[in-house]
Amino acid sequence: MTLKPITMIAAFLAITSCGGPQESDQTPAGALLGRLEAQVNEGKIMFGHQDDYMYGHSWKLDDDATEYMQSDVFSTCGQYPAVYGMDLGGIEMGWEKNLDSNPFDHMRASAVAHYERGGVITFSWHPRNPLTGGDAWDVSSDQVVASILPGGDGHEYFMTWLAKAADFLASIKTADGETVPVIWRPWHEHTGSWFWWGQKLCTTEQYKALWQMTYDYMAIERGLDNLVWAYSPGAGELSSVEVFGERYPGDDIIDMVGFDCYQYSGNDVYAADMKNALDITKAFADEHGKLMAVTETGYEGVKDAAWWTQVLYPVMKDYPVSYVLVWRNACDAHMQHHFYAPFPEHESAEDFKTFSALDRMMFIPFCGLSKND
């Protein structure tokens, strides 16, 4: 596999036991890419969970928390997810909490804690609509992307949003000042039209220009060297490799490729959707020399007691998947059905334990730390 030059500077040792990342003279992003590549070559698939330390099916992190130990995944299988997903939605507004009510201070601190345990962090971004004032799902105008590109009336305003996102991503540092690498996944699911940057809301050229503007500001102007840039269409619209790559920003920007695919009906339909997306993504990744991932997936409520070992694992086990991330476990009383990872009382908990013990699956071991009260 041929990757961007930053991954070829030196070998990076994969973490297989308790403790933080090894010393490296690479950029933080280069070191992370090297680690991911090494794990893929060893046949490992990292398991991820969105907002894992922030809340779970029946709990929420205390406002005054200083440790990040509680986790539905940990409570179920005795290990932490190897990949910890979070979202920056709301950072652009200067909010103290993101769109899912997670304090940004806790997000930053928990990212450091997860990194020091040997984990990987990924951030998506659901920014509000800079033209209408609505949320990321406000698709009432097809002029939003055009308005924020260079020359657009909203360009300068949107650049202040990028600055706030960059400030946060640059601020994720350990106590001794080490910058934490993260997988950065903006402008996702663009092959659909449910976000203001989606397929029917902007042209191919405008979408690529949005990526270029984001990269030029964060990577070049700001010099953020801790970002691994990820491109992830929605699986439902992927009919070919050409469709996957239609709006691809370019090999000079993107480090890894993936897709988002959820189960909404039967297991067979989901397995077919996943296989189609995996086949297309692998072909594109091979052609462009990129790592691949299942950047979002899951079955809301996990309505099959053997879903982990009989549905999810079989469909992805024969692909070089660097990580697979399932979505969040909402703690709101009115959203008790909205969870994608098990908790100890759930019917799929035993199957998840079996899944977590599979040789190819990679979690973060418990290192003798004491849980929060």
Protein backbone atom coordinates (compact mmCIF):
# COMPACT_ATOMS: atom_id res chain seq x y z
CA MET A 1 0.00 0.00 0.00
CA THR A 2 1.43 3.37 -1.05
CA LEU A 3 0.45 6.21 1.25
CA LYS A 4 1.17 9.92 1.44
CA PRO A 5 4.84 10.77 2.09
CA ILE A 6 4.30 11.59 5.77
CA THR A 7 3.60 7.92 6.44
CA MET A 8 6.92 6.84 4.97
CA ILE A 9 9.32 8.80 7.17
CA ALA A 10 9.80 6.09 9.77
CA ALA A 11 8.11 2.98 11.10
CA PHE A 12 5.59 3.46 13.87
CA LEU A 13 5.06 0.71 16.40
CA ALA A 14 1.45 -0.32 16.93
CA ILE A 15 0.21 -0.24 20.52
CA THR A 16 -0.76 -3.67 21.76
CA SER A 17 -0.64 -3.16 25.51
CA CYS A 18 -1.43 -0.57 28.15
CA GLY A 19 0.23 2.80 27.82
CA GLY A 20 0.41 5.71 25.43
CA PRO A 21 1.90 6.05 21.96
CA GLN A 22 5.58 5.35 21.36
CA GLU A 23 8.10 8.08 20.73
CA SER A 24 8.35 9.08 17.07
CA ASP A 25 10.04 11.81 15.05
CA GLN A 26 7.11 11.96 12.63
CA THR A 27 4.34 14.49 12.62
CA PRO A 28 1.49 13.36 14.89
CA ALA A 29 -0.69 12.64 11.84
CA GLY A 30 2.08 10.69 10.15
CA ALA A 31 2.62 8.60 13.26
CA LEU A 32 -1.08 7.80 13.49
CA LEU A 33 -1.24 6.82 9.83
CA GLY A 34 1.79 4.61 10.29
CA ARG A 35 0.18 2.92 13.25
CA LEU A 36 -3.08 2.33 11.38
CA GLU A 37 -1.25 0.90 8.39
CA ALA A 38 0.75 -1.45 10.63
CA GLN A 39 -2.43 -2.69 12.29
CA VAL A 40 -4.12 -3.29 8.94
CA ASN A 41 -1.10 -5.27 7.82
CA GLU A 42 -1.47 -7.37 10.97
CA GLY A 43 -5.12 -8.01 10.12
CA LYS A 44 -6.52 -5.90 12.97
CA ILE A 45 -9.82 -3.99 12.87
CA MET A 46 -10.18 -1.31 15.54
CA PHE A 47 -13.65 -1.04 17.09
CA GLY A 48 -15.03 2.45 17.68
CA HIS A 49 -17.99 4.04 19.45
CA GLN A 50 -19.30 7.59 19.20
CA ASP A 51 -19.34 9.69 22.41
CA ASP A 52 -18.33 6.64 24.43
CA TYR A 53 -17.06 8.52 27.52
CA MET A 54 -19.66 11.29 27.44
CA TYR A 55 -22.81 9.29 28.16
CA GLY A 56 -24.39 5.87 27.81
CA HIS A 57 -27.76 4.18 27.74
CA SER A 58 -28.59 5.08 31.35
CA TRP A 59 -25.88 7.53 32.50
CA LYS A 60 -24.28 10.84 31.68
CA LEU A 61 -20.88 12.26 32.56
CA ASP A 62 -20.97 14.59 35.56
CA ASP A 63 -20.25 18.24 34.86
CA ASP A 64 -17.41 18.20 37.41
CA ALA A 65 -15.85 14.94 36.17
CA THR A 66 -12.06 14.82 36.04
CA GLU A 67 -11.64 11.21 34.91
CA TYR A 68 -13.12 9.45 31.93
CA MET A 69 -13.66 5.85 32.87
CA GLN A 70 -17.35 5.06 32.44
CA SER A 71 -18.33 3.47 29.14
CA ASP A 72 -21.12 1.20 27.96
CA VAL A 73 -18.59 -0.72 25.88
CA PHE A 74 -16.30 -1.18 28.88
CA SER A 75 -19.21 -2.16 31.13
CA THR A 76 -20.18 -4.84 28.62
CA CYS A 77 -16.89 -6.43 27.61
CA GLY A 78 -14.26 -5.10 30.06
CA GLN A 79 -12.37 -3.17 27.39
CA TYR A 80 -12.65 0.30 25.90
CA PRO A 81 -13.31 0.93 22.22
CA ALA A 82 -10.05 1.44 20.35
CA VAL A 83 -11.56 4.39 18.46
CA TYR A 84 -13.44 7.18 20.21
CA GLY A 85 -15.66 9.34 18.03
CA MET A 86 -16.90 12.87 18.78
CA ASP A 87 -18.47 15.75 16.84
CA LEU A 88 -17.53 19.42 16.73
CA GLY A 89 -21.01 20.70 15.87
CA GLY A 90 -21.50 23.95 17.81
CA ILE A 91 -17.83 24.86 18.12
CA GLU A 92 -18.36 27.30 15.26
CA MET A 93 -20.95 29.18 17.35
CA GLY A 94 -18.72 29.54 20.38
CA TRP A 95 -20.94 27.24 22.43
CA GLU A 96 -19.61 25.60 25.58
CA LYS A 97 -21.30 22.32 24.59
CA ASN A 98 -21.68 20.61 21.25
CA LEU A 99 -24.92 19.74 19.48
CA ASP A 100 -25.28 16.62 21.68
CA SER A 101 -24.74 18.65 24.87
CA ASN A 102 -21.17 17.44 25.42
CA PRO A 103 -18.97 20.13 27.01
CA PHE A 104 -16.04 20.88 24.74
CA ASP A 105 -13.72 20.94 27.74
CA HIS A 106 -14.72 17.36 28.55
CA MET A 107 -14.35 16.37 24.92
CA ARG A 108 -10.81 17.69 24.86
CA ALA A 109 -9.83 16.08 28.17
CA SER A 110 -11.43 12.73 27.34
CA ALA A 111 -9.65 12.70 23.97
CA VAL A 112 -6.33 13.07 25.80
CA ALA A 113 -7.29 10.33 28.29
CA HIS A 114 -8.24 7.98 25.46
CA TYR A 115 -5.04 8.72 23.57
CA GLU A 116 -2.94 8.04 26.66
CA ARG A 117 -4.69 4.66 27.01
CA GLY A 118 -3.51 3.83 23.51
CA GLY A 119 -6.68 4.78 21.64
CA VAL A 120 -7.46 6.68 18.46
CA ILE A 121 -9.76 9.72 18.24
CA THR A 122 -11.94 10.76 15.32
CA PHE A 123 -13.96 13.96 14.90
CA SER A 124 -16.82 14.63 12.54
CA TRP A 125 -18.42 18.08 12.20
CA HIS A 126 -22.08 19.03 11.83
CA PRO A 127 -21.72 22.83 11.59
CA ARG A 128 -24.83 24.95 11.49
CA ASN A 129 -26.00 26.48 8.23
CA PRO A 130 -23.93 29.67 7.82
CA LEU A 131 -26.36 31.20 5.32
CA THR A 132 -29.78 30.51 6.87
CA GLY A 133 -28.88 30.17 10.55
CA GLY A 134 -30.42 26.70 10.68
CA ASP A 135 -28.71 23.47 11.65
CA ALA A 136 -26.58 21.18 9.49
CA TRP A 137 -29.72 19.50 8.20
CA ASP A 138 -31.23 22.76 6.93
CA VAL A 139 -31.27 22.23 3.16
CA SER A 140 -33.63 25.08 2.36
CA SER A 141 -31.04 26.75 0.13
CA ASP A 142 -28.66 25.39 -2.49
CA GLN A 143 -26.47 28.49 -2.26
CA VAL A 144 -24.81 27.82 1.10
CA VAL A 145 -21.53 26.37 -0.16
CA ALA A 146 -21.31 28.98 -2.90
CA SER A 147 -21.81 31.74 -0.33
CA ILE A 148 -18.85 30.68 1.86
CA LEU A 149 -16.26 29.98 -0.81
CA PRO A 150 -13.69 32.69 -1.61
CA GLY A 151 -15.53 35.61 -3.17
CA GLY A 152 -18.84 34.70 -1.56
CA ASP A 153 -20.69 37.08 0.72
CA GLY A 154 -20.35 34.69 3.66
CA HIS A 155 -16.72 33.73 3.14
CA GLU A 156 -15.15 35.89 5.84
CA TYR A 157 -17.83 34.88 8.33
CA PHE A 158 -17.31 31.19 7.62
CA MET A 159 -13.55 31.54 7.98
CA THR A 160 -14.17 32.50 11.62
CA TRP A 161 -15.96 29.15 11.96
CA LEU A 162 -13.00 27.29 10.53
CA ALA A 163 -10.75 29.21 12.92
CA LYS A 164 -12.76 28.03 15.93
CA ALA A 165 -12.68 24.42 14.75
CA ALA A 166 -8.93 24.66 14.11
CA ASP A 167 -8.34 26.24 17.52
CA PHE A 168 -10.05 23.31 19.21
CA LEU A 169 -8.29 20.61 17.18
CA ALA A 170 -4.92 22.26 17.86
CA SER A 171 -5.66 22.48 21.58
CA ILE A 172 -5.86 18.74 22.18
CA LYS A 173 -2.55 18.23 23.99
CA THR A 174 -1.24 16.04 26.75
CA ALA A 175 -0.03 17.56 30.04
CA ASP A 176 3.53 17.65 28.72
CA GLY A 177 2.47 19.50 25.57
CA GLU A 178 2.33 16.62 23.09
CA THR A 179 -0.22 17.30 20.35
CA VAL A 180 -2.75 14.48 20.01
CA PRO A 181 -3.37 13.20 16.47
CA VAL A 182 -6.97 12.82 15.37
CA ILE A 183 -8.83 11.53 12.34
CA TRP A 184 -10.63 14.60 10.97
CA ARG A 185 -13.77 13.81 8.94
CA PRO A 186 -15.64 16.94 7.83
CA TRP A 187 -18.15 17.21 4.95
CA HIS A 188 -19.26 13.59 5.30
CA GLU A 189 -22.18 11.75 3.66
CA HIS A 190 -22.07 14.26 0.82
CA THR A 191 -23.50 11.74 -1.66
CA GLY A 192 -26.85 12.26 0.05
CA SER A 193 -28.69 15.58 0.23
CA TRP A 194 -29.59 15.87 3.91
CA PHE A 195 -26.73 18.27 4.83
CA TRP A 196 -26.23 21.74 3.36
CA TRP A 197 -23.02 20.48 1.66
CA GLY A 198 -24.79 17.48 0.10
CA GLN A 199 -25.10 16.24 -3.47
CA LYS A 200 -28.03 18.39 -4.60
CA LEU A 201 -27.00 21.44 -2.57
CA CYS A 202 -23.76 22.26 -4.39
CA THR A 203 -21.90 21.41 -7.57
CA THR A 204 -19.00 18.96 -7.74
CA GLU A 205 -16.60 21.89 -8.20
CA GLN A 206 -18.04 23.75 -5.20
CA TYR A 207 -17.81 20.69 -2.96
CA LYS A 208 -14.18 20.11 -3.90
CA ALA A 209 -13.47 23.79 -3.35
CA LEU A 210 -15.00 23.54 0.13
CA TRP A 211 -12.54 20.77 0.98
CA GLN A 212 -9.64 22.68 -0.55
CA MET A 213 -10.51 25.80 1.44
CA THR A 214 -10.77 23.77 4.66
CA TYR A 215 -7.44 22.04 4.03
CA ASP A 216 -5.62 25.19 2.94
CA TYR A 217 -6.65 26.98 6.11
CA MET A 218 -6.15 24.20 8.65
CA ALA A 219 -3.16 22.32 7.23
CA ILE A 220 -1.28 25.05 5.39
CA GLU A 221 -2.14 28.42 6.93
CA ARG A 222 -2.55 27.13 10.48
CA GLY A 223 -0.01 24.32 10.15
CA LEU A 224 -2.06 21.68 11.97
CA ASP A 225 0.04 18.54 11.58
CA ASN A 226 -2.11 16.35 13.84
CA LEU A 227 -4.99 15.80 11.40
CA VAL A 228 -5.53 12.64 9.41
CA TRP A 229 -7.99 13.72 6.71
CA ALA A 230 -10.86 11.29 6.02
CA TYR A 231 -13.36 11.26 3.15
CA SER A 232 -16.61 9.35 3.71
CA PRO A 233 -19.61 9.24 1.36
CA GLY A 234 -22.90 7.69 2.37
CA ALA A 235 -23.18 4.03 1.38
CA GLY A 236 -26.74 4.22 0.07
CA GLU A 237 -25.76 6.22 -2.98
CA LEU A 238 -22.65 4.22 -3.92
CA SER A 239 -23.34 2.45 -7.19
CA SER A 240 -19.78 2.43 -8.52
CA VAL A 241 -16.18 3.43 -7.90
CA GLU A 242 -16.83 6.42 -10.15
CA VAL A 243 -19.66 7.63 -7.92
CA PHE A 244 -17.45 7.15 -4.85
CA GLY A 245 -14.76 9.35 -6.37
CA GLU A 246 -16.90 11.89 -8.18
CA ARG A 247 -16.35 14.57 -5.53
CA TYR A 248 -13.08 13.26 -4.12
CA PRO A 249 -10.92 16.27 -3.15
CA GLY A 250 -7.65 14.64 -4.21
CA ASP A 251 -4.81 12.47 -2.96
CA ASP A 252 -2.90 15.52 -1.76
CA ILE A 253 -5.66 16.26 0.77
CA ILE A 254 -7.13 12.91 1.76
CA ASP A 255 -5.31 10.34 3.92
CA MET A 256 -7.99 7.69 4.28
CA VAL A 257 -11.37 6.82 2.79
CA GLY A 258 -14.47 5.24 4.24
CA PHE A 259 -18.25 5.27 4.16
CA ASP A 260 -21.26 5.54 6.47
CA CYS A 261 -23.75 2.65 6.33
CA TYR A 262 -26.61 1.93 8.74
CA GLN A 263 -29.05 -0.95 9.02
CA TYR A 264 -32.71 0.02 8.61
CA SER A 265 -34.31 -3.31 7.71
CA GLY A 266 -33.29 -6.95 7.51
CA ASN A 267 -29.84 -8.38 8.07
CA ASP A 268 -29.55 -9.54 4.46
CA VAL A 269 -30.23 -6.06 3.11
CA TYR A 270 -27.67 -4.52 5.43
CA ALA A 271 -25.06 -7.16 4.61
CA ALA A 272 -25.59 -6.54 0.90
CA ASP A 273 -25.31 -2.76 1.36
CA MET A 274 -22.14 -3.18 3.40
CA LYS A 275 -20.54 -5.58 0.93
CA ASN A 276 -21.29 -3.24 -1.96
CA ALA A 277 -19.78 -0.28 -0.10
CA LEU A 278 -16.78 -2.31 1.07
CA ASP A 279 -16.07 -3.57 -2.45
CA ILE A 280 -16.27 -0.07 -3.92
CA THR A 281 -14.26 1.54 -1.14
CA LYS A 282 -11.54 -1.10 -1.31
CA ALA A 283 -11.22 -0.69 -5.07
CA PHE A 284 -10.93 3.09 -4.67
CA ALA A 285 -8.53 2.81 -1.73
CA ASP A 286 -6.30 0.38 -3.62
CA GLU A 287 -6.26 2.64 -6.67
CA HIS A 288 -5.32 5.71 -4.63
CA GLY A 289 -3.08 4.08 -2.04
CA LYS A 290 -5.26 4.96 0.94
CA LEU A 291 -6.33 3.23 4.12
CA MET A 292 -10.03 2.38 4.39
CA ALA A 293 -12.52 2.38 7.27
CA VAL A 294 -16.18 1.92 8.08
CA THR A 295 -16.49 5.46 9.42
CA GLU A 296 -20.06 5.08 10.72
CA THR A 297 -22.36 2.09 10.98
CA GLY A 298 -24.78 0.37 13.31
CA TYR A 299 -28.24 -1.01 13.90
CA GLU A 300 -30.36 1.21 16.13
CA GLY A 301 -31.40 -0.78 19.17
CA VAL A 302 -29.29 -3.77 17.98
CA LYS A 303 -32.44 -5.85 17.44
CA ASP A 304 -30.56 -9.11 16.87
CA ALA A 305 -28.91 -10.86 19.82
CA ALA A 306 -26.14 -12.24 17.57
CA TRP A 307 -25.70 -9.17 15.35
CA TRP A 308 -22.05 -8.62 16.22
CA THR A 309 -20.69 -12.05 15.31
CA GLN A 310 -23.29 -13.13 12.75
CA VAL A 311 -23.93 -9.91 10.80
CA LEU A 312 -21.33 -7.17 11.28
CA TYR A 313 -18.16 -9.22 11.61
CA PRO A 314 -18.77 -11.68 8.74
CA VAL A 315 -19.39 -8.94 6.20
CA MET A 316 -16.21 -6.96 6.97
CA LYS A 317 -13.72 -9.61 8.09
CA ASP A 318 -12.24 -10.19 4.63
CA TYR A 319 -11.48 -6.52 3.97
CA PRO A 320 -8.51 -4.38 5.12
CA VAL A 321 -10.70 -2.24 7.38
CA SER A 322 -8.64 -0.05 9.71
CA TYR A 323 -11.56 0.69 12.01
CA VAL A 324 -15.32 0.35 12.29
CA LEU A 325 -17.26 2.88 14.36
CA VAL A 326 -20.83 2.47 15.60
CA TRP A 327 -22.90 5.49 16.55
CA ARG A 328 -23.84 6.78 19.98
CA ASN A 329 -25.90 5.48 22.92
CA ALA A 330 -28.27 8.33 23.75
CA CYS A 331 -29.02 8.85 27.43
CA ASP A 332 -32.12 11.01 27.01
CA ALA A 333 -35.25 9.48 28.55
CA HIS A 334 -37.20 9.98 25.31
CA MET A 335 -34.46 8.31 23.23
CA GLN A 336 -33.95 5.02 25.06
CA HIS A 337 -34.28 3.21 21.72
CA HIS A 338 -31.39 5.22 20.22
CA PHE A 339 -28.28 3.16 20.93
CA TYR A 340 -25.80 1.34 18.71
CA ALA A 341 -23.47 -0.37 21.19
CA PRO A 342 -24.69 -2.81 23.83
CA PHE A 343 -24.83 -2.30 27.59
CA PRO A 344 -24.68 -5.12 30.16
CA GLU A 345 -28.44 -5.77 30.29
CA HIS A 346 -28.91 -5.81 26.52
CA GLU A 347 -29.72 -9.05 24.72
CA SER A 348 -26.66 -8.75 22.47
CA ALA A 349 -24.19 -8.24 25.36
CA GLU A 350 -22.93 -11.83 25.39
CA ASP A 351 -22.47 -11.84 21.64
CA PHE A 352 -20.60 -8.54 21.89
CA LYS A 353 -18.21 -10.09 24.42
CA THR A 354 -17.50 -12.86 21.92
CA PHE A 355 -17.05 -10.26 19.19
CA SER A 356 -14.60 -8.24 21.30
CA ALA A 357 -12.49 -11.36 21.88
CA LEU A 358 -12.08 -12.20 18.18
CA ASP A 359 -8.45 -12.18 17.08
CA ARG A 360 -9.01 -9.55 14.40
CA MET A 361 -10.96 -7.13 16.57
CA MET A 362 -8.95 -4.55 18.52
CA PHE A 363 -10.12 -2.88 21.72
CA ILE A 364 -8.18 -1.01 24.43
CA PRO A 365 -7.48 -3.15 27.50
CA PHE A 366 -8.33 -2.03 31.01
CA CYS A 367 -5.06 -1.00 32.61
CA GLY A 368 -5.91 -1.24 36.29
CA LEU A 369 -7.44 2.22 36.53
CA SER A 370 -10.20 2.81 39.07
CA LYS A 371 -13.64 3.66 37.75
CA ASN A 372 -15.39 6.89 38.59
CA ASP A 373 -17.90 6.68 41.41
